[in-house]
Every structure is written in C-alpha cells, then in structure tokens.
N, C-alpha and C. Protein backbone atom coordinates (compact mmCIF):
# COMPACT_ATOMS: atom_id res chain seq x y z
N MET A 1 94.52 88.70 100.50
CA MET A 1 95.56 89.62 101.01
C MET A 1 95.02 90.46 102.15
N SER A 2 93.74 90.93 102.04
CA SER A 2 93.17 91.82 103.04
C SER A 2 93.16 91.17 104.42
N ASN A 3 92.88 89.84 104.47
CA ASN A 3 92.75 89.17 105.75
C ASN A 3 94.06 89.08 106.52
N SER A 4 95.18 89.18 105.82
CA SER A 4 96.47 89.05 106.50
C SER A 4 96.99 90.39 107.02
N ILE A 5 96.29 91.47 106.69
CA ILE A 5 96.71 92.81 107.11
C ILE A 5 95.92 93.23 108.34
N THR A 6 96.64 93.62 109.40
CA THR A 6 95.95 94.15 110.58
C THR A 6 96.03 95.67 110.55
N LEU A 7 94.89 96.32 110.76
CA LEU A 7 94.81 97.77 110.65
C LEU A 7 94.43 98.40 111.99
N PHE A 8 94.97 99.58 112.21
CA PHE A 8 94.55 100.44 113.32
C PHE A 8 94.11 101.76 112.70
N VAL A 9 93.00 102.32 113.17
CA VAL A 9 92.45 103.54 112.56
C VAL A 9 92.18 104.59 113.64
N ALA A 10 92.63 105.81 113.39
CA ALA A 10 92.38 106.91 114.33
C ALA A 10 91.87 108.14 113.59
N ASP A 11 90.75 108.67 114.06
CA ASP A 11 90.17 109.90 113.52
C ASP A 11 89.32 110.51 114.61
N ASP A 12 89.42 111.82 114.80
CA ASP A 12 88.69 112.45 115.91
C ASP A 12 87.25 112.81 115.56
N HIS A 13 86.79 112.43 114.38
CA HIS A 13 85.39 112.64 114.02
C HIS A 13 84.67 111.28 114.05
N PRO A 14 83.85 111.02 115.07
CA PRO A 14 83.22 109.70 115.23
C PRO A 14 82.45 109.22 114.00
N MET A 15 81.73 110.10 113.32
CA MET A 15 80.95 109.68 112.15
C MET A 15 81.86 109.26 111.00
N LEU A 16 82.94 110.03 110.80
CA LEU A 16 83.90 109.67 109.75
C LEU A 16 84.59 108.36 110.09
N LEU A 17 84.92 108.18 111.37
CA LEU A 17 85.57 106.95 111.81
C LEU A 17 84.65 105.75 111.57
N LYS A 18 83.38 105.87 111.93
CA LYS A 18 82.43 104.77 111.74
C LYS A 18 82.28 104.43 110.26
N GLY A 19 82.17 105.48 109.42
CA GLY A 19 82.04 105.25 107.99
C GLY A 19 83.25 104.53 107.42
N LEU A 20 84.43 104.93 107.90
CA LEU A 20 85.66 104.31 107.43
C LEU A 20 85.73 102.85 107.86
N LEU A 21 85.35 102.58 109.11
CA LEU A 21 85.36 101.20 109.61
C LEU A 21 84.39 100.32 108.83
N ASP A 22 83.21 100.86 108.50
CA ASP A 22 82.22 100.10 107.72
C ASP A 22 82.79 99.73 106.36
N GLU A 23 83.46 100.68 105.72
CA GLU A 23 84.05 100.42 104.40
C GLU A 23 85.16 99.38 104.50
N LEU A 24 86.00 99.49 105.53
CA LEU A 24 87.10 98.54 105.69
C LEU A 24 86.57 97.12 105.90
N LYS A 25 85.47 97.00 106.66
CA LYS A 25 84.89 95.68 106.88
C LYS A 25 84.32 95.11 105.59
N THR A 26 83.78 95.98 104.75
CA THR A 26 83.25 95.54 103.46
C THR A 26 84.35 94.88 102.63
N TYR A 27 85.57 95.37 102.79
CA TYR A 27 86.71 94.81 102.05
C TYR A 27 87.44 93.71 102.86
N ASN A 28 86.80 93.27 103.94
CA ASN A 28 87.32 92.17 104.76
C ASN A 28 88.66 92.48 105.45
N TYR A 29 88.90 93.76 105.74
CA TYR A 29 90.10 94.10 106.49
C TYR A 29 89.87 93.82 107.98
N LYS A 30 90.92 93.43 108.66
CA LYS A 30 90.86 93.18 110.09
C LYS A 30 91.33 94.42 110.84
N VAL A 31 90.40 95.11 111.48
CA VAL A 31 90.71 96.31 112.26
C VAL A 31 90.89 95.90 113.71
N VAL A 32 92.10 96.06 114.24
CA VAL A 32 92.40 95.59 115.60
C VAL A 32 92.19 96.65 116.67
N GLY A 33 91.99 97.91 116.25
CA GLY A 33 91.78 98.96 117.24
C GLY A 33 91.47 100.29 116.59
N THR A 34 90.85 101.19 117.37
CA THR A 34 90.52 102.53 116.88
C THR A 34 90.79 103.54 118.00
N ALA A 35 90.89 104.80 117.61
CA ALA A 35 91.08 105.87 118.59
C ALA A 35 90.53 107.17 118.03
N VAL A 36 90.16 108.09 118.96
CA VAL A 36 89.65 109.40 118.54
C VAL A 36 90.59 110.53 118.96
N ASN A 37 91.76 110.18 119.50
CA ASN A 37 92.77 111.20 119.79
C ASN A 37 94.15 110.58 119.66
N GLY A 38 95.16 111.44 119.52
CA GLY A 38 96.50 110.97 119.26
C GLY A 38 97.14 110.20 120.39
N ALA A 39 96.86 110.60 121.63
CA ALA A 39 97.46 109.91 122.77
C ALA A 39 96.98 108.47 122.85
N SER A 40 95.68 108.26 122.66
CA SER A 40 95.12 106.91 122.68
C SER A 40 95.66 106.10 121.50
N ALA A 41 95.79 106.75 120.34
CA ALA A 41 96.33 106.07 119.17
C ALA A 41 97.74 105.58 119.43
N LEU A 42 98.57 106.43 120.01
CA LEU A 42 99.96 106.05 120.29
C LEU A 42 100.02 104.86 121.24
N GLU A 43 99.25 104.92 122.31
CA GLU A 43 99.26 103.85 123.31
C GLU A 43 98.83 102.51 122.69
N GLN A 44 97.78 102.55 121.88
CA GLN A 44 97.27 101.31 121.31
C GLN A 44 98.18 100.75 120.22
N ILE A 45 98.75 101.63 119.40
CA ILE A 45 99.66 101.16 118.36
C ILE A 45 100.86 100.46 119.00
N MET A 46 101.37 101.03 120.08
CA MET A 46 102.49 100.42 120.80
C MET A 46 102.12 99.02 121.30
N ALA A 47 100.88 98.89 121.78
CA ALA A 47 100.45 97.62 122.36
C ALA A 47 100.04 96.59 121.30
N LEU A 48 99.39 97.06 120.23
CA LEU A 48 98.80 96.14 119.25
C LEU A 48 99.73 95.79 118.08
N ASP A 49 100.68 96.68 117.81
CA ASP A 49 101.64 96.47 116.72
C ASP A 49 100.96 96.07 115.41
N PRO A 50 100.04 96.92 114.91
CA PRO A 50 99.33 96.58 113.66
C PRO A 50 100.24 96.63 112.45
N SER A 51 99.83 95.97 111.37
CA SER A 51 100.60 96.03 110.12
C SER A 51 100.64 97.47 109.61
N ILE A 52 99.47 98.11 109.63
CA ILE A 52 99.33 99.47 109.11
C ILE A 52 98.44 100.29 110.05
N ALA A 53 98.85 101.51 110.31
CA ALA A 53 98.02 102.45 111.08
C ALA A 53 97.59 103.57 110.15
N ILE A 54 96.28 103.82 110.11
CA ILE A 54 95.71 104.89 109.30
C ILE A 54 95.34 106.02 110.26
N LEU A 55 96.00 107.16 110.12
CA LEU A 55 95.84 108.23 111.10
C LEU A 55 95.36 109.53 110.46
N ASP A 56 94.44 110.19 111.15
CA ASP A 56 94.05 111.54 110.77
C ASP A 56 95.24 112.46 111.06
N MET A 57 95.45 113.45 110.21
CA MET A 57 96.58 114.37 110.41
C MET A 57 96.40 115.18 111.69
N GLU A 58 95.21 115.76 111.87
CA GLU A 58 94.96 116.63 113.03
C GLU A 58 94.05 115.92 114.02
N MET A 59 94.58 115.66 115.23
CA MET A 59 93.80 115.03 116.30
C MET A 59 94.13 115.71 117.61
N PRO A 60 93.23 115.63 118.60
CA PRO A 60 93.54 116.19 119.92
C PRO A 60 94.71 115.46 120.57
N MET A 61 95.43 116.17 121.41
CA MET A 61 96.52 115.64 122.25
C MET A 61 97.81 115.39 121.47
N LEU A 62 97.75 114.62 120.41
CA LEU A 62 98.91 114.42 119.54
C LEU A 62 98.42 114.39 118.10
N THR A 63 99.14 115.05 117.21
CA THR A 63 98.78 114.98 115.79
C THR A 63 99.21 113.63 115.23
N GLY A 64 98.70 113.32 114.04
CA GLY A 64 99.11 112.08 113.38
C GLY A 64 100.61 112.01 113.19
N LEU A 65 101.22 113.13 112.80
CA LEU A 65 102.67 113.15 112.57
C LEU A 65 103.44 112.94 113.87
N GLU A 66 102.94 113.51 114.97
CA GLU A 66 103.60 113.33 116.26
C GLU A 66 103.53 111.88 116.72
N VAL A 67 102.38 111.25 116.49
CA VAL A 67 102.24 109.83 116.82
C VAL A 67 103.26 109.01 116.04
N ILE A 68 103.37 109.29 114.75
CA ILE A 68 104.28 108.54 113.89
C ILE A 68 105.73 108.72 114.34
N GLN A 69 106.10 109.96 114.66
CA GLN A 69 107.47 110.22 115.13
C GLN A 69 107.80 109.39 116.37
N LYS A 70 106.84 109.34 117.31
CA LYS A 70 107.08 108.62 118.56
C LYS A 70 107.14 107.11 118.34
N VAL A 71 106.31 106.60 117.45
CA VAL A 71 106.34 105.17 117.16
C VAL A 71 107.65 104.80 116.47
N LYS A 72 108.09 105.64 115.55
CA LYS A 72 109.33 105.35 114.82
C LYS A 72 110.55 105.40 115.74
N GLU A 73 110.49 106.21 116.78
CA GLU A 73 111.58 106.25 117.75
C GLU A 73 111.74 104.90 118.46
N ARG A 74 110.64 104.14 118.51
CA ARG A 74 110.68 102.81 119.13
C ARG A 74 111.08 101.73 118.12
N GLN A 75 111.30 102.15 116.88
CA GLN A 75 111.74 101.25 115.80
C GLN A 75 110.76 100.11 115.57
N MET A 76 109.48 100.41 115.64
CA MET A 76 108.45 99.42 115.34
C MET A 76 108.27 99.30 113.82
N GLU A 77 107.69 98.21 113.39
CA GLU A 77 107.57 97.94 111.96
C GLU A 77 106.23 98.37 111.37
N THR A 78 105.35 98.94 112.18
CA THR A 78 104.06 99.42 111.68
C THR A 78 104.28 100.45 110.58
N LYS A 79 103.56 100.29 109.48
CA LYS A 79 103.61 101.26 108.38
C LYS A 79 102.45 102.25 108.58
N PHE A 80 102.61 103.45 108.02
CA PHE A 80 101.62 104.50 108.28
C PHE A 80 101.02 105.08 107.01
N ILE A 81 99.72 105.34 107.12
CA ILE A 81 98.98 106.08 106.08
C ILE A 81 98.34 107.28 106.75
N ILE A 82 98.59 108.45 106.22
CA ILE A 82 97.95 109.67 106.72
C ILE A 82 96.68 109.91 105.89
N LEU A 83 95.58 110.16 106.60
CA LEU A 83 94.31 110.47 105.97
C LEU A 83 93.96 111.90 106.36
N THR A 84 93.85 112.79 105.39
CA THR A 84 93.75 114.21 105.74
C THR A 84 93.03 115.03 104.68
N SER A 85 92.70 116.26 105.04
CA SER A 85 92.13 117.21 104.08
C SER A 85 93.20 118.13 103.53
N TYR A 86 94.41 118.09 104.12
CA TYR A 86 95.47 119.00 103.72
C TYR A 86 96.07 118.61 102.37
N LYS A 87 96.14 119.59 101.47
CA LYS A 87 96.73 119.34 100.15
C LYS A 87 98.00 120.15 99.94
N GLU A 88 98.45 120.86 100.99
CA GLU A 88 99.64 121.70 100.85
C GLU A 88 100.89 120.84 100.67
N LYS A 89 101.81 121.33 99.84
CA LYS A 89 103.03 120.58 99.55
C LYS A 89 103.87 120.35 100.80
N GLY A 90 103.84 121.29 101.74
CA GLY A 90 104.64 121.16 102.94
C GLY A 90 104.34 119.89 103.72
N PHE A 91 103.08 119.47 103.71
CA PHE A 91 102.73 118.26 104.43
C PHE A 91 103.27 117.02 103.74
N ILE A 92 103.34 117.07 102.42
CA ILE A 92 103.93 115.95 101.68
C ILE A 92 105.42 115.87 102.01
N HIS A 93 106.09 117.02 102.10
CA HIS A 93 107.50 117.01 102.47
C HIS A 93 107.69 116.34 103.83
N LYS A 94 106.83 116.72 104.79
CA LYS A 94 106.94 116.13 106.12
C LYS A 94 106.73 114.62 106.06
N ALA A 95 105.72 114.22 105.29
CA ALA A 95 105.43 112.79 105.18
C ALA A 95 106.59 112.03 104.59
N LYS A 96 107.22 112.59 103.56
CA LYS A 96 108.36 111.91 102.94
C LYS A 96 109.54 111.81 103.90
N LEU A 97 109.77 112.87 104.66
CA LEU A 97 110.90 112.86 105.59
C LEU A 97 110.70 111.84 106.71
N LEU A 98 109.45 111.57 107.07
CA LEU A 98 109.16 110.60 108.11
C LEU A 98 109.01 109.18 107.54
N ASN A 99 109.23 109.06 106.23
CA ASN A 99 109.07 107.76 105.56
C ASN A 99 107.65 107.22 105.72
N ILE A 100 106.67 108.12 105.72
CA ILE A 100 105.28 107.70 105.75
C ILE A 100 104.95 107.08 104.40
N MET A 101 104.33 105.91 104.42
CA MET A 101 104.13 105.14 103.19
C MET A 101 102.94 105.61 102.36
N GLY A 102 101.92 106.18 103.02
CA GLY A 102 100.72 106.57 102.28
C GLY A 102 100.17 107.90 102.75
N TYR A 103 99.59 108.66 101.81
CA TYR A 103 99.02 109.96 102.14
C TYR A 103 97.79 110.12 101.25
N ILE A 104 96.61 110.03 101.87
CA ILE A 104 95.36 110.03 101.12
C ILE A 104 94.49 111.22 101.53
N ILE A 105 93.95 111.90 100.55
CA ILE A 105 93.05 113.03 100.80
C ILE A 105 91.66 112.49 101.13
N LYS A 106 91.02 113.07 102.15
CA LYS A 106 89.75 112.54 102.65
C LYS A 106 88.61 112.56 101.63
N ASP A 107 88.67 113.48 100.67
CA ASP A 107 87.55 113.52 99.73
C ASP A 107 87.74 112.56 98.54
N GLU A 108 88.78 111.73 98.61
CA GLU A 108 88.97 110.69 97.59
C GLU A 108 87.95 109.58 97.83
N PRO A 109 87.55 108.83 96.77
CA PRO A 109 86.69 107.67 96.98
C PRO A 109 87.40 106.62 97.81
N PHE A 110 86.64 105.80 98.54
CA PHE A 110 87.26 104.81 99.43
C PHE A 110 88.19 103.87 98.67
N LYS A 111 87.87 103.58 97.42
CA LYS A 111 88.70 102.66 96.64
C LYS A 111 90.15 103.13 96.59
N GLU A 112 90.36 104.45 96.66
CA GLU A 112 91.72 104.99 96.66
C GLU A 112 92.47 104.56 97.92
N LEU A 113 91.79 104.59 99.06
CA LEU A 113 92.41 104.13 100.31
C LEU A 113 92.68 102.63 100.25
N HIS A 114 91.76 101.89 99.67
CA HIS A 114 91.95 100.44 99.51
C HIS A 114 93.22 100.16 98.70
N HIS A 115 93.39 100.86 97.58
CA HIS A 115 94.59 100.69 96.76
C HIS A 115 95.83 101.06 97.56
N CYS A 116 95.70 102.12 98.36
CA CYS A 116 96.83 102.57 99.18
C CYS A 116 97.23 101.50 100.19
N ILE A 117 96.25 100.92 100.87
CA ILE A 117 96.52 99.88 101.86
C ILE A 117 97.23 98.70 101.20
N GLN A 118 96.73 98.28 100.06
CA GLN A 118 97.33 97.14 99.36
C GLN A 118 98.77 97.44 98.96
N SER A 119 99.00 98.65 98.47
CA SER A 119 100.34 99.04 98.05
C SER A 119 101.30 99.11 99.23
N VAL A 120 100.85 99.79 100.28
CA VAL A 120 101.69 99.96 101.47
C VAL A 120 102.01 98.62 102.11
N SER A 121 101.06 97.69 102.11
CA SER A 121 101.29 96.37 102.70
C SER A 121 102.40 95.62 101.98
N LYS A 122 102.66 95.99 100.72
CA LYS A 122 103.74 95.36 99.94
C LYS A 122 105.04 96.18 100.00
N GLY A 123 105.01 97.25 100.81
CA GLY A 123 106.20 98.07 100.95
C GLY A 123 106.38 99.12 99.88
N VAL A 124 105.30 99.40 99.14
CA VAL A 124 105.37 100.38 98.04
C VAL A 124 104.58 101.64 98.45
N PRO A 125 105.23 102.82 98.53
CA PRO A 125 104.53 104.05 98.91
C PRO A 125 103.38 104.37 97.95
N TYR A 126 102.34 104.99 98.50
CA TYR A 126 101.18 105.34 97.68
C TYR A 126 100.63 106.68 98.16
N PHE A 127 100.68 107.68 97.29
CA PHE A 127 100.17 109.01 97.62
C PHE A 127 99.04 109.36 96.65
N SER A 128 98.06 110.12 97.14
CA SER A 128 96.97 110.56 96.26
C SER A 128 97.53 111.15 94.98
N ALA A 129 96.84 110.90 93.88
CA ALA A 129 97.34 111.30 92.56
C ALA A 129 97.61 112.80 92.46
N VAL A 130 96.91 113.60 93.27
CA VAL A 130 97.09 115.05 93.22
C VAL A 130 98.53 115.45 93.55
N PHE A 131 99.27 114.56 94.21
CA PHE A 131 100.63 114.88 94.62
C PHE A 131 101.70 114.27 93.74
N ASN A 132 101.34 113.65 92.66
CA ASN A 132 102.33 112.94 91.84
C ASN A 132 103.51 113.83 91.44
N GLU A 133 103.26 115.10 91.13
CA GLU A 133 104.35 115.98 90.70
C GLU A 133 105.26 116.34 91.85
N VAL A 134 104.68 116.39 93.05
CA VAL A 134 105.43 116.87 94.20
C VAL A 134 106.44 115.85 94.70
N ILE A 135 106.02 114.59 94.71
CA ILE A 135 106.76 113.57 95.43
C ILE A 135 108.20 113.43 94.97
N ASP A 136 108.39 113.28 93.67
CA ASP A 136 109.73 112.98 93.20
C ASP A 136 110.54 114.20 92.79
N ASN A 137 109.86 115.29 92.47
CA ASN A 137 110.56 116.41 91.86
C ASN A 137 111.06 117.47 92.83
N GLU A 138 110.51 117.52 94.04
CA GLU A 138 110.80 118.67 94.88
C GLU A 138 111.66 118.37 96.11
N ILE A 139 111.96 117.11 96.36
CA ILE A 139 112.80 116.81 97.52
C ILE A 139 114.19 116.44 97.02
N THR A 140 115.10 117.36 97.16
CA THR A 140 116.46 117.19 96.64
C THR A 140 117.27 116.27 97.54
N PRO A 141 118.38 115.75 97.04
CA PRO A 141 119.25 114.92 97.88
C PRO A 141 119.69 115.64 99.15
N GLU A 142 119.86 116.97 99.06
CA GLU A 142 120.25 117.73 100.25
C GLU A 142 119.19 117.64 101.34
N LEU A 143 117.92 117.78 100.93
CA LEU A 143 116.84 117.74 101.90
C LEU A 143 116.59 116.33 102.41
N GLN A 144 116.91 115.33 101.61
CA GLN A 144 116.75 113.95 102.06
C GLN A 144 117.58 113.68 103.31
N LYS A 145 118.69 114.40 103.45
CA LYS A 145 119.58 114.19 104.60
C LYS A 145 118.92 114.56 105.93
N ILE A 146 117.84 115.36 105.87
CA ILE A 146 117.15 115.75 107.09
C ILE A 146 116.58 114.52 107.79
N LYS A 147 116.35 113.45 107.03
CA LYS A 147 115.87 112.21 107.64
C LYS A 147 116.81 111.70 108.72
N LEU A 148 118.09 112.07 108.62
CA LEU A 148 119.09 111.59 109.57
C LEU A 148 119.01 112.30 110.91
N LEU A 149 118.30 113.42 110.96
CA LEU A 149 118.26 114.23 112.18
C LEU A 149 117.24 113.70 113.18
N SER A 150 117.56 113.84 114.45
CA SER A 150 116.61 113.48 115.50
C SER A 150 115.54 114.56 115.59
N PRO A 151 114.40 114.29 116.26
CA PRO A 151 113.37 115.32 116.43
C PRO A 151 113.92 116.60 117.06
N SER A 152 114.81 116.47 118.05
CA SER A 152 115.39 117.65 118.70
C SER A 152 116.24 118.45 117.72
N GLU A 153 117.00 117.74 116.91
CA GLU A 153 117.86 118.41 115.93
C GLU A 153 117.03 119.12 114.86
N ARG A 154 115.90 118.52 114.49
CA ARG A 154 115.02 119.17 113.51
C ARG A 154 114.43 120.45 114.08
N THR A 155 114.08 120.41 115.36
CA THR A 155 113.54 121.61 116.01
C THR A 155 114.58 122.72 116.00
N ILE A 156 115.81 122.39 116.35
CA ILE A 156 116.88 123.39 116.38
C ILE A 156 117.18 123.89 114.97
N LEU A 157 117.14 123.00 113.99
CA LEU A 157 117.36 123.42 112.59
C LEU A 157 116.30 124.43 112.17
N ARG A 158 115.06 124.19 112.53
CA ARG A 158 113.97 125.11 112.20
C ARG A 158 114.18 126.47 112.88
N LEU A 159 114.64 126.45 114.13
CA LEU A 159 114.87 127.70 114.86
C LEU A 159 116.07 128.47 114.29
N VAL A 160 117.08 127.74 113.83
CA VAL A 160 118.20 128.40 113.15
C VAL A 160 117.70 129.09 111.88
N ALA A 161 116.82 128.38 111.16
CA ALA A 161 116.27 128.94 109.92
C ALA A 161 115.48 130.22 110.18
N GLN A 162 114.93 130.33 111.38
CA GLN A 162 114.15 131.52 111.75
C GLN A 162 115.04 132.67 112.22
N GLY A 163 116.37 132.43 112.21
CA GLY A 163 117.31 133.49 112.55
C GLY A 163 117.70 133.57 114.02
N ASN A 164 117.38 132.55 114.80
CA ASN A 164 117.72 132.56 116.22
C ASN A 164 119.18 132.19 116.47
N SER A 165 119.80 132.83 117.42
CA SER A 165 121.17 132.49 117.82
C SER A 165 121.12 131.28 118.75
N SER A 166 122.29 130.70 119.04
CA SER A 166 122.34 129.56 119.96
C SER A 166 121.79 129.94 121.34
N LYS A 167 122.12 131.16 121.78
CA LYS A 167 121.63 131.61 123.08
C LYS A 167 120.10 131.71 123.08
N GLU A 168 119.56 132.28 122.00
CA GLU A 168 118.10 132.43 121.90
C GLU A 168 117.42 131.06 121.82
N ILE A 169 118.01 130.14 121.08
CA ILE A 169 117.45 128.79 120.97
C ILE A 169 117.46 128.11 122.33
N GLY A 170 118.57 128.29 123.06
CA GLY A 170 118.66 127.71 124.40
C GLY A 170 117.56 128.23 125.31
N GLN A 171 117.29 129.52 125.22
CA GLN A 171 116.25 130.12 126.05
C GLN A 171 114.86 129.58 125.66
N LEU A 172 114.64 129.44 124.36
CA LEU A 172 113.35 128.95 123.87
C LEU A 172 113.10 127.50 124.28
N LEU A 173 114.16 126.70 124.28
CA LEU A 173 114.02 125.27 124.57
C LEU A 173 114.40 124.90 126.00
N SER A 174 114.80 125.92 126.78
CA SER A 174 115.21 125.70 128.19
C SER A 174 116.38 124.73 128.29
N ILE A 175 117.36 124.93 127.42
CA ILE A 175 118.59 124.14 127.47
C ILE A 175 119.77 125.12 127.39
N SER A 176 120.96 124.66 127.72
CA SER A 176 122.12 125.54 127.72
C SER A 176 122.61 125.81 126.30
N SER A 177 123.31 126.93 126.14
CA SER A 177 123.89 127.27 124.84
C SER A 177 124.87 126.20 124.40
N ARG A 178 125.58 125.62 125.37
CA ARG A 178 126.55 124.57 125.04
C ARG A 178 125.84 123.36 124.42
N THR A 179 124.67 123.02 124.98
CA THR A 179 123.89 121.90 124.42
C THR A 179 123.43 122.22 123.01
N VAL A 180 123.00 123.46 122.79
CA VAL A 180 122.58 123.88 121.45
C VAL A 180 123.75 123.76 120.48
N GLU A 181 124.93 124.21 120.91
CA GLU A 181 126.11 124.14 120.04
C GLU A 181 126.46 122.69 119.70
N LYS A 182 126.28 121.79 120.66
CA LYS A 182 126.54 120.38 120.41
C LYS A 182 125.57 119.84 119.37
N HIS A 183 124.30 120.22 119.50
CA HIS A 183 123.29 119.82 118.52
C HIS A 183 123.64 120.37 117.13
N ARG A 184 124.05 121.63 117.11
CA ARG A 184 124.41 122.25 115.82
C ARG A 184 125.56 121.51 115.16
N SER A 185 126.54 121.11 115.95
CA SER A 185 127.69 120.35 115.41
C SER A 185 127.23 119.02 114.82
N ASN A 186 126.30 118.36 115.53
CA ASN A 186 125.77 117.09 115.04
C ASN A 186 124.99 117.29 113.74
N ILE A 187 124.21 118.38 113.70
CA ILE A 187 123.43 118.68 112.49
C ILE A 187 124.36 118.92 111.31
N ILE A 188 125.39 119.72 111.52
CA ILE A 188 126.37 120.02 110.46
C ILE A 188 127.01 118.74 109.94
N ALA A 189 127.34 117.82 110.85
CA ALA A 189 127.96 116.56 110.44
C ALA A 189 126.98 115.70 109.64
N LYS A 190 125.73 115.61 110.10
CA LYS A 190 124.74 114.78 109.43
C LYS A 190 124.34 115.33 108.06
N LEU A 191 124.35 116.66 107.94
CA LEU A 191 124.02 117.29 106.66
C LEU A 191 125.23 117.38 105.74
N ASP A 192 126.38 116.93 106.27
CA ASP A 192 127.63 116.93 105.50
C ASP A 192 128.01 118.34 105.06
N LEU A 193 127.91 119.28 105.99
CA LEU A 193 128.25 120.67 105.71
C LEU A 193 129.67 120.97 106.17
N SER A 194 130.21 122.07 105.71
CA SER A 194 131.51 122.53 106.16
C SER A 194 131.41 122.95 107.62
N PRO A 195 132.43 122.68 108.43
CA PRO A 195 132.38 123.06 109.86
C PRO A 195 132.50 124.56 110.11
N GLU A 196 132.57 125.36 109.04
CA GLU A 196 132.67 126.81 109.21
C GLU A 196 131.46 127.35 109.97
N THR A 197 131.66 128.42 110.72
CA THR A 197 130.63 128.97 111.60
C THR A 197 129.32 129.27 110.88
N ASP A 198 129.39 129.84 109.67
CA ASP A 198 128.17 130.28 108.98
C ASP A 198 127.58 129.24 108.05
N ALA A 199 128.19 128.07 107.94
CA ALA A 199 127.74 127.08 106.96
C ALA A 199 126.29 126.67 107.19
N LEU A 200 125.93 126.43 108.45
CA LEU A 200 124.56 126.00 108.75
C LEU A 200 123.56 127.12 108.48
N VAL A 201 123.94 128.35 108.84
CA VAL A 201 123.05 129.49 108.61
C VAL A 201 122.80 129.68 107.13
N ILE A 202 123.85 129.58 106.33
CA ILE A 202 123.73 129.72 104.87
C ILE A 202 122.82 128.63 104.31
N TRP A 203 123.02 127.40 104.80
CA TRP A 203 122.22 126.27 104.32
C TRP A 203 120.74 126.48 104.64
N THR A 204 120.45 126.93 105.88
CA THR A 204 119.05 127.12 106.26
C THR A 204 118.39 128.25 105.49
N LYS A 205 119.16 129.26 105.11
CA LYS A 205 118.60 130.35 104.29
C LYS A 205 118.19 129.83 102.92
N GLU A 206 119.01 128.93 102.39
CA GLU A 206 118.72 128.37 101.06
C GLU A 206 117.43 127.55 101.05
N TYR A 207 117.18 126.86 102.17
CA TYR A 207 116.02 125.97 102.24
C TYR A 207 114.98 126.46 103.25
N LYS A 208 114.96 127.78 103.48
CA LYS A 208 114.10 128.34 104.53
C LYS A 208 112.63 128.01 104.32
N GLU A 209 112.15 128.11 103.10
CA GLU A 209 110.73 127.86 102.84
C GLU A 209 110.35 126.41 103.20
N PHE A 210 111.23 125.50 102.85
CA PHE A 210 110.97 124.10 103.18
C PHE A 210 111.02 123.87 104.69
N LEU A 211 112.01 124.45 105.33
CA LEU A 211 112.21 124.22 106.77
C LEU A 211 111.07 124.78 107.61
N SER A 212 110.36 125.76 107.10
CA SER A 212 109.22 126.32 107.83
C SER A 212 108.11 125.30 107.99
N ASN A 213 108.12 124.28 107.12
CA ASN A 213 107.11 123.22 107.19
C ASN A 213 107.61 121.98 107.90
N LEU A 214 108.83 122.06 108.42
CA LEU A 214 109.46 120.88 109.03
C LEU A 214 108.83 120.57 110.39
C-alpha cells in the first residue's frame, strides 16, 4: 500500500524534515517533494499533485492552513495531514472545517503518522488520540454550515463576530460597504438564517468563541 501513495512533506525545521523523510523511507513511502516554507509548498503541490501532503502548521510565507485553503480552491484531490505542536481545540475546529483528513501532534511516535497516512489514503480521517473527544462532540450542525462559506465570507463573518459594522469591515478590507452587505446576504443564505437585520449578529454572538479561531 505504501508504494502506491505519493507524499509531499513541508516543515520549516530542516532537522525535523530530514528525520521525517528518513522515517518515511523506512516505511517505503514515495516522497515526491519537500519544502521549508508555505509558498514553495503551495507551488510544488500544485505541480506534483501528490496523494497526500503532510504540512507543518506554522511555516514562513504561508501557514499550512493557508496552503490547504488555496489548494482546495483549485479543487485538487490531494488529501492533507497537519503535523503540529498545537493541541488547542480551535485548531481542530479549523481542520474539520477545511476537511483536513489528518491532524498529528509532533511529539507522537512516528508509527502514529504511519497509521494516519494509511487511514487518510483510504479516505478515513485520522486525528491524534488526544483529540478524540473534540472531533465529534463539539462541532454542531450549525457550525458545519461554515464549510459552505468562501474564505472572504469567513473573514467577514469573523469581523462581524468582533462587533464591526459593514462600514468598518469595508474600511478594514478596503472594499465598499455595498460589497460587504452583499457578502453578508450570501452568508445569511448559506447559514440558513432569517433575513432579519440582526440575525447574523445574534448568530455570531452565540458562536463567538468558536469564530475567534476561524
């Protein structure tokens, strides 16, 4: 099974990257490319179209999540595993919303990543055991709808949650208030909210803690 999976690996720590590559070769995985920053990772993933990309969460130029967002906008079939030190629940929420298939903590033994790769290659999500309680219990059907929003709409939703008016959001994003209002209307429709003026504000207040991690 390992030989049929093509992997791309990105981590901005050269020693960690080398160690990871050595382990992957031990398991006979085919690594088609590597990168030490997000911009290089994005460019190579677009060109190489690997089965699975294993990305560090925090990298120079583009984060792992930003790389994933941009690749998904191109509707590529590459699956993603995030490799990180972050154990905060907010990052798991982000990963679930982006349909990231795997999320592995860096201090786990390599065998955990191997199991993750095998699972993800079969289309089955795999998250470090430390997150088992978080994955299924904390993302409500209401929050699942955020998956329908574009990156721009998610940004505006987060700014609404912070109490910004359409005019203020327009100033922050250098777009017109009319454009912001159009985005808000689209968000309301996608979240299946009432078209009433305060419906979106009320909704964001209810989920403010979650949206701060969006």
